[in-house]
Amino acid sequence: MFRRISILSLMGIIMLMSSVTALANVEKNNQSDLYYQVIYNDIVERSPMGPEWSAWMAQTILYYSGQYKMDPLLVTALFHQESGFNMAARSRTGAVGIAQLQPETAAGLGFDPTDPAQNIEGGIKYLSAQLAGFSQSGDWAPTYAIAAYNAGASAVGKYQGVPPYSETQNHVNRVAEIYEQLEKAMGY
């Protein structure tokens, strides 16, 4: 009898664990769906390319954010500020596309900045490198990484923080505002 109860109890535990795992997977899928919806909504409101392009871009941002272990909301906030999700965007300094990559930066990373998928991946990889470079800065790492994305890592290092350039300071503040809006849309 002891053995039978143990086997039945074990089967019950396995079934319970399977249910908990299934619920965790549903919650994870719901979370993924929510990330997609929030990012998609932000893109579709700004992108001149329409809903299909916005859907592709949201999926691409989520995919490469996962590949580089990046916060997709931070990536979205950055691209929102950089280009408004416009692949045709060109800066006065020569930055190209959604991620506003300088052609030499993109080439150094091994990407073609005129290809939309490579532009997005290159921007995420570059932001990831900036975060890694400032990882010793604790809670300030994302702020410094965004500043470095705009003004260069050497400028952030020189000033030991966000450089005193109004363009960079405005850029960092605007990315932070957009990020907060995205978090609110996520329910955080």
N, C-alpha and C. Protein backbone atom coordinates (compact mmCIF):
# COMPACT_ATOMS: atom_id res chain seq x y z
N MET A 1 0.82 -1.19 0.00
CA MET A 1 0.00 0.00 0.00
C MET A 1 0.86 1.26 0.00
N PHE A 2 1.93 1.27 0.76
CA PHE A 2 2.82 2.42 0.81
C PHE A 2 3.38 2.72 -0.57
N ARG A 3 3.78 1.67 -1.25
CA ARG A 3 4.34 1.83 -2.58
C ARG A 3 3.31 2.42 -3.54
N ARG A 4 2.09 1.94 -3.50
CA ARG A 4 1.03 2.42 -4.39
C ARG A 4 0.74 3.90 -4.13
N ILE A 5 0.67 4.31 -2.87
CA ILE A 5 0.42 5.71 -2.54
C ILE A 5 1.58 6.56 -3.04
N SER A 6 2.79 6.06 -2.88
CA SER A 6 3.95 6.80 -3.35
C SER A 6 3.91 7.00 -4.85
N ILE A 7 3.55 5.96 -5.58
CA ILE A 7 3.47 6.06 -7.03
C ILE A 7 2.35 7.02 -7.42
N LEU A 8 1.19 6.88 -6.76
CA LEU A 8 0.09 7.80 -7.07
C LEU A 8 0.46 9.23 -6.70
N SER A 9 1.11 9.40 -5.56
CA SER A 9 1.54 10.75 -5.16
C SER A 9 2.54 11.31 -6.15
N LEU A 10 3.47 10.48 -6.59
CA LEU A 10 4.46 10.92 -7.56
C LEU A 10 3.79 11.32 -8.87
N MET A 11 2.81 10.53 -9.30
CA MET A 11 2.08 10.87 -10.53
C MET A 11 1.34 12.19 -10.36
N GLY A 12 0.77 12.42 -9.18
CA GLY A 12 0.08 13.68 -8.91
C GLY A 12 1.04 14.85 -8.95
N ILE A 13 2.22 14.67 -8.38
CA ILE A 13 3.23 15.73 -8.39
C ILE A 13 3.66 16.03 -9.82
N ILE A 14 3.87 14.98 -10.61
CA ILE A 14 4.27 15.17 -12.01
C ILE A 14 3.18 15.93 -12.76
N MET A 15 1.91 15.53 -12.52
CA MET A 15 0.81 16.22 -13.20
C MET A 15 0.73 17.68 -12.75
N LEU A 16 0.94 17.93 -11.46
CA LEU A 16 0.93 19.29 -10.94
C LEU A 16 2.07 20.10 -11.56
N MET A 17 3.26 19.49 -11.63
CA MET A 17 4.40 20.19 -12.21
C MET A 17 4.15 20.49 -13.69
N SER A 18 3.52 19.56 -14.39
CA SER A 18 3.19 19.78 -15.80
C SER A 18 2.22 20.94 -15.93
N SER A 19 1.25 21.02 -15.02
CA SER A 19 0.29 22.12 -15.06
C SER A 19 0.97 23.45 -14.78
N VAL A 20 1.88 23.47 -13.80
CA VAL A 20 2.60 24.70 -13.47
C VAL A 20 3.47 25.12 -14.65
N THR A 21 4.15 24.16 -15.28
CA THR A 21 4.97 24.47 -16.45
C THR A 21 4.11 25.00 -17.58
N ALA A 22 2.97 24.37 -17.82
CA ALA A 22 2.07 24.83 -18.87
C ALA A 22 1.59 26.24 -18.59
N LEU A 23 1.25 26.54 -17.33
CA LEU A 23 0.82 27.89 -16.98
C LEU A 23 1.95 28.89 -17.16
N ALA A 24 3.18 28.50 -16.79
CA ALA A 24 4.33 29.38 -16.97
C ALA A 24 4.55 29.67 -18.45
N ASN A 25 4.40 28.65 -19.30
CA ASN A 25 4.56 28.84 -20.74
C ASN A 25 3.47 29.76 -21.30
N VAL A 26 2.24 29.60 -20.81
CA VAL A 26 1.16 30.48 -21.25
C VAL A 26 1.47 31.92 -20.83
N GLU A 27 1.94 32.08 -19.59
CA GLU A 27 2.27 33.43 -19.11
C GLU A 27 3.42 34.01 -19.93
N LYS A 28 4.42 33.19 -20.24
CA LYS A 28 5.54 33.64 -21.06
C LYS A 28 5.05 34.04 -22.45
N ASN A 29 4.18 33.23 -23.05
CA ASN A 29 3.64 33.56 -24.36
C ASN A 29 2.80 34.83 -24.31
N ASN A 30 2.01 34.98 -23.24
CA ASN A 30 1.22 36.21 -23.08
C ASN A 30 2.14 37.41 -22.94
N GLN A 31 3.24 37.25 -22.20
CA GLN A 31 4.21 38.32 -22.03
C GLN A 31 4.84 38.67 -23.38
N SER A 32 5.21 37.64 -24.15
CA SER A 32 5.77 37.86 -25.49
C SER A 32 4.77 38.57 -26.37
N ASP A 33 3.53 38.14 -26.31
CA ASP A 33 2.47 38.79 -27.10
C ASP A 33 2.30 40.25 -26.69
N LEU A 34 2.40 40.52 -25.39
CA LEU A 34 2.26 41.89 -24.91
C LEU A 34 3.43 42.74 -25.39
N TYR A 35 4.66 42.21 -25.30
CA TYR A 35 5.82 42.95 -25.83
C TYR A 35 5.60 43.26 -27.30
N TYR A 36 5.20 42.25 -28.06
CA TYR A 36 4.97 42.46 -29.49
C TYR A 36 3.94 43.56 -29.71
N GLN A 37 2.82 43.50 -29.01
CA GLN A 37 1.74 44.46 -29.22
C GLN A 37 2.18 45.88 -28.86
N VAL A 38 2.89 46.03 -27.76
CA VAL A 38 3.34 47.36 -27.33
C VAL A 38 4.33 47.93 -28.35
N ILE A 39 5.27 47.09 -28.78
CA ILE A 39 6.28 47.55 -29.76
C ILE A 39 5.61 47.84 -31.10
N TYR A 40 4.76 46.94 -31.54
CA TYR A 40 4.04 47.14 -32.80
C TYR A 40 3.26 48.46 -32.77
N ASN A 41 2.53 48.70 -31.69
CA ASN A 41 1.73 49.93 -31.59
C ASN A 41 2.60 51.18 -31.68
N ASP A 42 3.76 51.15 -31.04
CA ASP A 42 4.66 52.30 -31.09
C ASP A 42 5.17 52.52 -32.51
N ILE A 43 5.52 51.42 -33.19
CA ILE A 43 6.04 51.54 -34.55
C ILE A 43 4.95 52.00 -35.51
N VAL A 44 3.79 51.37 -35.46
CA VAL A 44 2.74 51.67 -36.44
C VAL A 44 2.27 53.13 -36.34
N GLU A 45 2.37 53.72 -35.15
CA GLU A 45 1.98 55.12 -34.98
C GLU A 45 2.95 56.08 -35.66
N ARG A 46 4.19 55.65 -35.89
CA ARG A 46 5.22 56.55 -36.40
C ARG A 46 5.76 56.19 -37.77
N SER A 47 5.80 54.92 -38.06
CA SER A 47 6.43 54.47 -39.30
C SER A 47 5.61 54.90 -40.52
N PRO A 48 6.30 55.42 -41.52
CA PRO A 48 5.59 55.79 -42.75
C PRO A 48 5.26 54.59 -43.64
N MET A 49 5.63 53.38 -43.21
CA MET A 49 5.53 52.22 -44.07
C MET A 49 4.28 51.37 -43.88
N GLY A 50 3.49 51.62 -42.85
CA GLY A 50 2.24 50.90 -42.70
C GLY A 50 2.31 49.67 -41.80
N PRO A 51 1.15 48.99 -41.65
CA PRO A 51 1.02 47.90 -40.68
C PRO A 51 1.89 46.67 -40.96
N GLU A 52 2.02 46.27 -42.21
CA GLU A 52 2.83 45.07 -42.50
C GLU A 52 4.30 45.31 -42.16
N TRP A 53 4.79 46.48 -42.55
CA TRP A 53 6.17 46.85 -42.23
C TRP A 53 6.34 46.92 -40.71
N SER A 54 5.38 47.51 -40.03
CA SER A 54 5.44 47.64 -38.57
C SER A 54 5.46 46.28 -37.90
N ALA A 55 4.67 45.35 -38.40
CA ALA A 55 4.65 43.99 -37.85
C ALA A 55 6.00 43.32 -38.05
N TRP A 56 6.54 43.45 -39.25
CA TRP A 56 7.86 42.87 -39.52
C TRP A 56 8.92 43.48 -38.61
N MET A 57 8.88 44.80 -38.46
CA MET A 57 9.88 45.47 -37.65
C MET A 57 9.76 45.07 -36.18
N ALA A 58 8.55 44.97 -35.65
CA ALA A 58 8.35 44.56 -34.26
C ALA A 58 8.92 43.16 -34.05
N GLN A 59 8.64 42.25 -34.97
CA GLN A 59 9.17 40.89 -34.87
C GLN A 59 10.68 40.87 -34.95
N THR A 60 11.23 41.70 -35.82
CA THR A 60 12.68 41.76 -35.99
C THR A 60 13.36 42.33 -34.75
N ILE A 61 12.79 43.38 -34.18
CA ILE A 61 13.33 43.94 -32.94
C ILE A 61 13.29 42.90 -31.82
N LEU A 62 12.17 42.22 -31.69
CA LEU A 62 12.08 41.19 -30.64
C LEU A 62 13.08 40.07 -30.87
N TYR A 63 13.22 39.63 -32.11
CA TYR A 63 14.14 38.53 -32.41
C TYR A 63 15.59 38.91 -32.06
N TYR A 64 16.06 40.04 -32.60
CA TYR A 64 17.46 40.41 -32.36
C TYR A 64 17.70 40.89 -30.93
N SER A 65 16.69 41.45 -30.29
CA SER A 65 16.84 41.78 -28.86
C SER A 65 17.08 40.49 -28.07
N GLY A 66 16.37 39.43 -28.42
CA GLY A 66 16.60 38.14 -27.79
C GLY A 66 17.97 37.59 -28.08
N GLN A 67 18.42 37.71 -29.32
CA GLN A 67 19.74 37.20 -29.72
C GLN A 67 20.86 37.89 -28.94
N TYR A 68 20.71 39.18 -28.70
CA TYR A 68 21.76 39.95 -28.02
C TYR A 68 21.44 40.21 -26.54
N LYS A 69 20.39 39.54 -26.05
CA LYS A 69 19.98 39.67 -24.64
C LYS A 69 19.77 41.14 -24.23
N MET A 70 19.01 41.83 -25.08
CA MET A 70 18.72 43.25 -24.86
C MET A 70 17.26 43.43 -24.47
N ASP A 71 17.00 44.48 -23.74
CA ASP A 71 15.63 44.86 -23.40
C ASP A 71 14.97 45.40 -24.66
N PRO A 72 13.95 44.72 -25.20
CA PRO A 72 13.34 45.18 -26.45
C PRO A 72 12.65 46.54 -26.31
N LEU A 73 12.25 46.91 -25.10
CA LEU A 73 11.65 48.23 -24.91
C LEU A 73 12.71 49.33 -25.03
N LEU A 74 13.91 49.06 -24.52
CA LEU A 74 15.00 50.03 -24.65
C LEU A 74 15.38 50.19 -26.12
N VAL A 75 15.47 49.09 -26.84
CA VAL A 75 15.78 49.13 -28.27
C VAL A 75 14.70 49.92 -29.00
N THR A 76 13.44 49.64 -28.71
CA THR A 76 12.34 50.34 -29.36
C THR A 76 12.38 51.82 -29.06
N ALA A 77 12.62 52.18 -27.81
CA ALA A 77 12.70 53.60 -27.44
C ALA A 77 13.84 54.29 -28.19
N LEU A 78 14.96 53.61 -28.31
CA LEU A 78 16.10 54.19 -29.02
C LEU A 78 15.78 54.40 -30.50
N PHE A 79 15.23 53.38 -31.16
CA PHE A 79 14.92 53.51 -32.58
C PHE A 79 13.81 54.53 -32.83
N HIS A 80 12.87 54.60 -31.89
CA HIS A 80 11.80 55.60 -31.97
C HIS A 80 12.44 56.99 -32.03
N GLN A 81 13.37 57.24 -31.12
CA GLN A 81 14.03 58.55 -31.05
C GLN A 81 14.97 58.76 -32.23
N GLU A 82 15.70 57.74 -32.60
CA GLU A 82 16.70 57.88 -33.66
C GLU A 82 16.07 58.23 -35.01
N SER A 83 15.04 57.50 -35.41
CA SER A 83 14.55 57.64 -36.78
C SER A 83 13.03 57.67 -36.92
N GLY A 84 12.31 57.46 -35.83
CA GLY A 84 10.86 57.30 -35.95
C GLY A 84 10.52 56.06 -36.76
N PHE A 85 11.44 55.07 -36.74
CA PHE A 85 11.28 53.79 -37.45
C PHE A 85 11.25 53.96 -38.97
N ASN A 86 11.91 54.99 -39.44
CA ASN A 86 11.93 55.30 -40.87
C ASN A 86 13.25 54.84 -41.47
N MET A 87 13.20 53.83 -42.31
CA MET A 87 14.41 53.30 -42.94
C MET A 87 15.05 54.33 -43.85
N ALA A 88 14.29 55.25 -44.40
CA ALA A 88 14.83 56.26 -45.31
C ALA A 88 15.49 57.43 -44.57
N ALA A 89 15.45 57.42 -43.24
CA ALA A 89 16.01 58.53 -42.47
C ALA A 89 17.53 58.60 -42.66
N ARG A 90 18.01 59.83 -42.84
CA ARG A 90 19.44 60.11 -42.95
C ARG A 90 19.72 61.32 -42.07
N SER A 91 20.78 61.24 -41.29
CA SER A 91 21.12 62.37 -40.42
C SER A 91 22.08 63.30 -41.15
N ARG A 92 22.27 64.47 -40.58
CA ARG A 92 23.20 65.44 -41.17
C ARG A 92 24.64 64.93 -41.09
N THR A 93 24.90 63.98 -40.18
CA THR A 93 26.25 63.42 -40.04
C THR A 93 26.45 62.15 -40.85
N GLY A 94 25.39 61.70 -41.56
CA GLY A 94 25.53 60.53 -42.42
C GLY A 94 24.99 59.24 -41.85
N ALA A 95 24.38 59.29 -40.67
CA ALA A 95 23.80 58.08 -40.09
C ALA A 95 22.62 57.63 -40.94
N VAL A 96 22.42 56.31 -41.00
CA VAL A 96 21.48 55.72 -41.94
C VAL A 96 20.45 54.85 -41.25
N GLY A 97 19.19 54.97 -41.69
CA GLY A 97 18.16 54.00 -41.37
C GLY A 97 17.54 54.07 -40.00
N ILE A 98 16.86 52.99 -39.67
CA ILE A 98 16.09 52.86 -38.44
C ILE A 98 16.95 53.08 -37.21
N ALA A 99 18.12 52.44 -37.20
CA ALA A 99 19.03 52.53 -36.06
C ALA A 99 19.97 53.72 -36.16
N GLN A 100 19.91 54.44 -37.27
CA GLN A 100 20.79 55.58 -37.51
C GLN A 100 22.26 55.20 -37.29
N LEU A 101 22.67 54.17 -38.00
CA LEU A 101 24.06 53.72 -37.94
C LEU A 101 24.92 54.54 -38.90
N GLN A 102 26.09 54.92 -38.42
CA GLN A 102 27.08 55.50 -39.31
C GLN A 102 27.59 54.38 -40.20
N PRO A 103 27.77 54.63 -41.50
CA PRO A 103 28.23 53.56 -42.38
C PRO A 103 29.51 52.87 -41.91
N GLU A 104 30.47 53.64 -41.38
CA GLU A 104 31.72 53.02 -40.91
C GLU A 104 31.48 52.18 -39.65
N THR A 105 30.58 52.59 -38.79
CA THR A 105 30.24 51.80 -37.60
C THR A 105 29.59 50.50 -38.03
N ALA A 106 28.64 50.58 -38.95
CA ALA A 106 27.97 49.38 -39.46
C ALA A 106 28.97 48.43 -40.11
N ALA A 107 29.86 48.97 -40.93
CA ALA A 107 30.87 48.14 -41.59
C ALA A 107 31.77 47.46 -40.56
N GLY A 108 32.15 48.21 -39.52
CA GLY A 108 32.98 47.64 -38.46
C GLY A 108 32.29 46.51 -37.71
N LEU A 109 30.97 46.56 -37.66
CA LEU A 109 30.20 45.50 -37.02
C LEU A 109 29.87 44.36 -37.99
N GLY A 110 30.16 44.58 -39.28
CA GLY A 110 29.89 43.56 -40.29
C GLY A 110 28.48 43.62 -40.88
N PHE A 111 27.87 44.81 -40.89
CA PHE A 111 26.50 44.96 -41.37
C PHE A 111 26.42 45.98 -42.49
N ASP A 112 25.43 45.80 -43.34
CA ASP A 112 25.09 46.76 -44.39
C ASP A 112 23.97 47.64 -43.84
N PRO A 113 24.25 48.92 -43.57
CA PRO A 113 23.24 49.77 -42.94
C PRO A 113 22.05 50.09 -43.84
N THR A 114 22.15 49.78 -45.14
CA THR A 114 21.03 50.05 -46.04
C THR A 114 20.05 48.89 -46.12
N ASP A 115 20.41 47.76 -45.53
CA ASP A 115 19.51 46.60 -45.45
C ASP A 115 18.73 46.71 -44.15
N PRO A 116 17.39 46.75 -44.19
CA PRO A 116 16.61 46.98 -42.97
C PRO A 116 16.91 45.99 -41.83
N ALA A 117 16.97 44.71 -42.13
CA ALA A 117 17.23 43.73 -41.06
C ALA A 117 18.64 43.91 -40.49
N GLN A 118 19.61 44.14 -41.36
CA GLN A 118 20.98 44.35 -40.89
C GLN A 118 21.11 45.66 -40.12
N ASN A 119 20.35 46.66 -40.52
CA ASN A 119 20.37 47.94 -39.82
C ASN A 119 19.85 47.75 -38.39
N ILE A 120 18.75 47.04 -38.25
CA ILE A 120 18.19 46.77 -36.92
C ILE A 120 19.15 45.93 -36.10
N GLU A 121 19.62 44.83 -36.67
CA GLU A 121 20.55 43.97 -35.92
C GLU A 121 21.82 44.74 -35.55
N GLY A 122 22.36 45.51 -36.50
CA GLY A 122 23.56 46.28 -36.22
C GLY A 122 23.35 47.28 -35.10
N GLY A 123 22.20 47.95 -35.09
CA GLY A 123 21.90 48.91 -34.02
C GLY A 123 21.80 48.23 -32.66
N ILE A 124 21.17 47.06 -32.65
CA ILE A 124 21.04 46.31 -31.38
C ILE A 124 22.40 45.81 -30.92
N LYS A 125 23.19 45.31 -31.85
CA LYS A 125 24.53 44.83 -31.48
C LYS A 125 25.38 45.98 -30.96
N TYR A 126 25.29 47.14 -31.61
CA TYR A 126 26.07 48.30 -31.18
C TYR A 126 25.62 48.78 -29.79
N LEU A 127 24.32 48.83 -29.56
CA LEU A 127 23.81 49.21 -28.24
C LEU A 127 24.25 48.20 -27.19
N SER A 128 24.21 46.93 -27.54
CA SER A 128 24.67 45.87 -26.62
C SER A 128 26.14 46.08 -26.25
N ALA A 129 26.95 46.43 -27.24
CA ALA A 129 28.38 46.68 -26.98
C ALA A 129 28.55 47.89 -26.06
N GLN A 130 27.74 48.92 -26.26
CA GLN A 130 27.82 50.09 -25.39
C GLN A 130 27.44 49.73 -23.96
N LEU A 131 26.38 48.94 -23.82
CA LEU A 131 25.97 48.49 -22.47
C LEU A 131 27.07 47.67 -21.81
N ALA A 132 27.68 46.79 -22.56
CA ALA A 132 28.77 45.97 -22.02
C ALA A 132 29.95 46.86 -21.61
N GLY A 133 30.22 47.87 -22.42
CA GLY A 133 31.33 48.78 -22.12
C GLY A 133 31.12 49.60 -20.85
N PHE A 134 29.87 49.84 -20.53
CA PHE A 134 29.56 50.64 -19.34
C PHE A 134 28.95 49.80 -18.22
N SER A 135 29.10 48.49 -18.31
CA SER A 135 28.48 47.60 -17.32
C SER A 135 28.96 47.86 -15.90
N GLN A 136 30.17 48.37 -15.74
CA GLN A 136 30.68 48.67 -14.40
C GLN A 136 30.01 49.90 -13.79
N SER A 137 29.18 50.57 -14.57
CA SER A 137 28.53 51.80 -14.09
C SER A 137 27.21 51.53 -13.37
N GLY A 138 26.89 50.26 -13.14
CA GLY A 138 25.69 49.91 -12.39
C GLY A 138 24.41 50.41 -13.04
N ASP A 139 23.58 51.06 -12.25
CA ASP A 139 22.29 51.55 -12.73
C ASP A 139 22.42 52.61 -13.82
N TRP A 140 23.58 53.22 -13.92
CA TRP A 140 23.81 54.25 -14.93
C TRP A 140 24.17 53.67 -16.29
N ALA A 141 24.46 52.39 -16.37
CA ALA A 141 24.91 51.76 -17.63
C ALA A 141 23.97 52.05 -18.80
N PRO A 142 22.64 51.87 -18.67
CA PRO A 142 21.79 52.17 -19.82
C PRO A 142 21.84 53.64 -20.24
N THR A 143 21.90 54.54 -19.28
CA THR A 143 21.99 55.97 -19.59
C THR A 143 23.26 56.27 -20.35
N TYR A 144 24.38 55.75 -19.86
CA TYR A 144 25.66 55.99 -20.53
C TYR A 144 25.70 55.32 -21.89
N ALA A 145 25.10 54.15 -22.01
CA ALA A 145 25.07 53.46 -23.30
C ALA A 145 24.28 54.26 -24.33
N ILE A 146 23.16 54.82 -23.93
CA ILE A 146 22.36 55.65 -24.85
C ILE A 146 23.14 56.92 -25.21
N ALA A 147 23.82 57.52 -24.23
CA ALA A 147 24.64 58.70 -24.51
C ALA A 147 25.77 58.34 -25.47
N ALA A 148 26.39 57.20 -25.27
CA ALA A 148 27.48 56.76 -26.14
C ALA A 148 26.98 56.45 -27.54
N TYR A 149 25.78 55.93 -27.63
CA TYR A 149 25.18 55.66 -28.94
C TYR A 149 25.07 56.96 -29.74
N ASN A 150 24.80 58.04 -29.04
CA ASN A 150 24.63 59.35 -29.68
C ASN A 150 25.94 60.10 -29.86
N ALA A 151 26.77 60.16 -28.82
CA ALA A 151 27.96 61.01 -28.85
C ALA A 151 29.27 60.24 -28.94
N GLY A 152 29.21 58.94 -28.77
CA GLY A 152 30.42 58.13 -28.78
C GLY A 152 30.87 57.78 -27.38
N ALA A 153 31.42 56.59 -27.25
CA ALA A 153 31.88 56.10 -25.95
C ALA A 153 33.01 56.96 -25.40
N SER A 154 33.86 57.49 -26.29
CA SER A 154 34.97 58.30 -25.81
C SER A 154 34.48 59.59 -25.14
N ALA A 155 33.41 60.18 -25.66
CA ALA A 155 32.86 61.40 -25.05
C ALA A 155 32.29 61.09 -23.66
N VAL A 156 31.60 59.95 -23.54
CA VAL A 156 31.05 59.56 -22.23
C VAL A 156 32.20 59.29 -21.25
N GLY A 157 33.24 58.64 -21.73
CA GLY A 157 34.41 58.38 -20.88
C GLY A 157 35.11 59.66 -20.48
N LYS A 158 35.28 60.57 -21.42
CA LYS A 158 35.95 61.84 -21.15
C LYS A 158 35.24 62.63 -20.06
N TYR A 159 33.92 62.65 -20.11
CA TYR A 159 33.14 63.42 -19.14
C TYR A 159 32.67 62.58 -17.96
N GLN A 160 33.04 61.31 -17.98
CA GLN A 160 32.64 60.36 -16.92
C GLN A 160 31.13 60.40 -16.69
N GLY A 161 30.40 60.43 -17.77
CA GLY A 161 28.95 60.46 -17.72
C GLY A 161 28.40 61.04 -19.01
N VAL A 162 27.16 61.45 -18.98
CA VAL A 162 26.54 62.03 -20.16
C VAL A 162 27.27 63.34 -20.48
N PRO A 163 27.78 63.46 -21.72
CA PRO A 163 28.52 64.66 -22.07
C PRO A 163 27.64 65.91 -22.00
N PRO A 164 28.25 67.07 -21.80
CA PRO A 164 27.48 68.31 -21.67
C PRO A 164 27.04 68.89 -23.02
N TYR A 165 26.68 68.02 -23.94
CA TYR A 165 26.20 68.46 -25.25
C TYR A 165 24.68 68.46 -25.18
N SER A 166 24.05 69.56 -25.55
CA SER A 166 22.59 69.64 -25.44
C SER A 166 21.92 68.57 -26.31
N GLU A 167 22.47 68.29 -27.49
CA GLU A 167 21.87 67.26 -28.34
C GLU A 167 21.86 65.90 -27.64
N THR A 168 22.99 65.55 -27.02
CA THR A 168 23.09 64.25 -26.35
C THR A 168 22.20 64.21 -25.11
N GLN A 169 22.21 65.27 -24.33
CA GLN A 169 21.37 65.31 -23.13
C GLN A 169 19.89 65.22 -23.51
N ASN A 170 19.48 65.94 -24.53
CA ASN A 170 18.09 65.85 -24.99
C ASN A 170 17.77 64.44 -25.51
N HIS A 171 18.72 63.85 -26.21
CA HIS A 171 18.55 62.50 -26.75
C HIS A 171 18.33 61.49 -25.61
N VAL A 172 19.19 61.55 -24.61
CA VAL A 172 19.08 60.63 -23.47
C VAL A 172 17.75 60.82 -22.75
N ASN A 173 17.38 62.07 -22.52
CA ASN A 173 16.11 62.35 -21.83
C ASN A 173 14.92 61.86 -22.64
N ARG A 174 14.95 62.07 -23.94
CA ARG A 174 13.82 61.66 -24.79
C ARG A 174 13.71 60.14 -24.84
N VAL A 175 14.83 59.43 -24.96
CA VAL A 175 14.79 57.96 -24.96
C VAL A 175 14.22 57.48 -23.63
N ALA A 176 14.61 58.11 -22.53
CA ALA A 176 14.09 57.72 -21.21
C ALA A 176 12.58 57.95 -21.14
N GLU A 177 12.10 59.06 -21.68
CA GLU A 177 10.65 59.34 -21.68
C GLU A 177 9.89 58.29 -22.51
N ILE A 178 10.41 57.97 -23.67
CA ILE A 178 9.77 56.97 -24.53
C ILE A 178 9.77 55.62 -23.83
N TYR A 179 10.89 55.28 -23.21
CA TYR A 179 11.00 54.01 -22.48
C TYR A 179 9.94 53.93 -21.39
N GLU A 180 9.76 55.00 -20.65
CA GLU A 180 8.75 55.02 -19.59
C GLU A 180 7.36 54.85 -20.16
N GLN A 181 7.08 55.47 -21.31
CA GLN A 181 5.77 55.29 -21.96
C GLN A 181 5.55 53.84 -22.37
N LEU A 182 6.60 53.20 -22.88
CA LEU A 182 6.49 51.80 -23.28
C LEU A 182 6.26 50.90 -22.05
N GLU A 183 6.98 51.21 -20.97
CA GLU A 183 6.76 50.44 -19.73
C GLU A 183 5.32 50.58 -19.23
N LYS A 184 4.79 51.79 -19.29
CA LYS A 184 3.40 52.00 -18.87
C LYS A 184 2.44 51.18 -19.74
N ALA A 185 2.72 51.16 -21.04
CA ALA A 185 1.88 50.37 -21.95
C ALA A 185 1.97 48.88 -21.62
N MET A 186 3.11 48.45 -21.06
CA MET A 186 3.28 47.06 -20.64
C MET A 186 2.59 46.78 -19.31
N GLY A 187 2.21 47.86 -18.61
CA GLY A 187 1.56 47.70 -17.31
C GLY A 187 2.54 47.72 -16.14
N TYR A 188 3.73 48.21 -16.36
CA TYR A 188 4.75 48.30 -15.28
C TYR A 188 4.59 49.57 -14.50
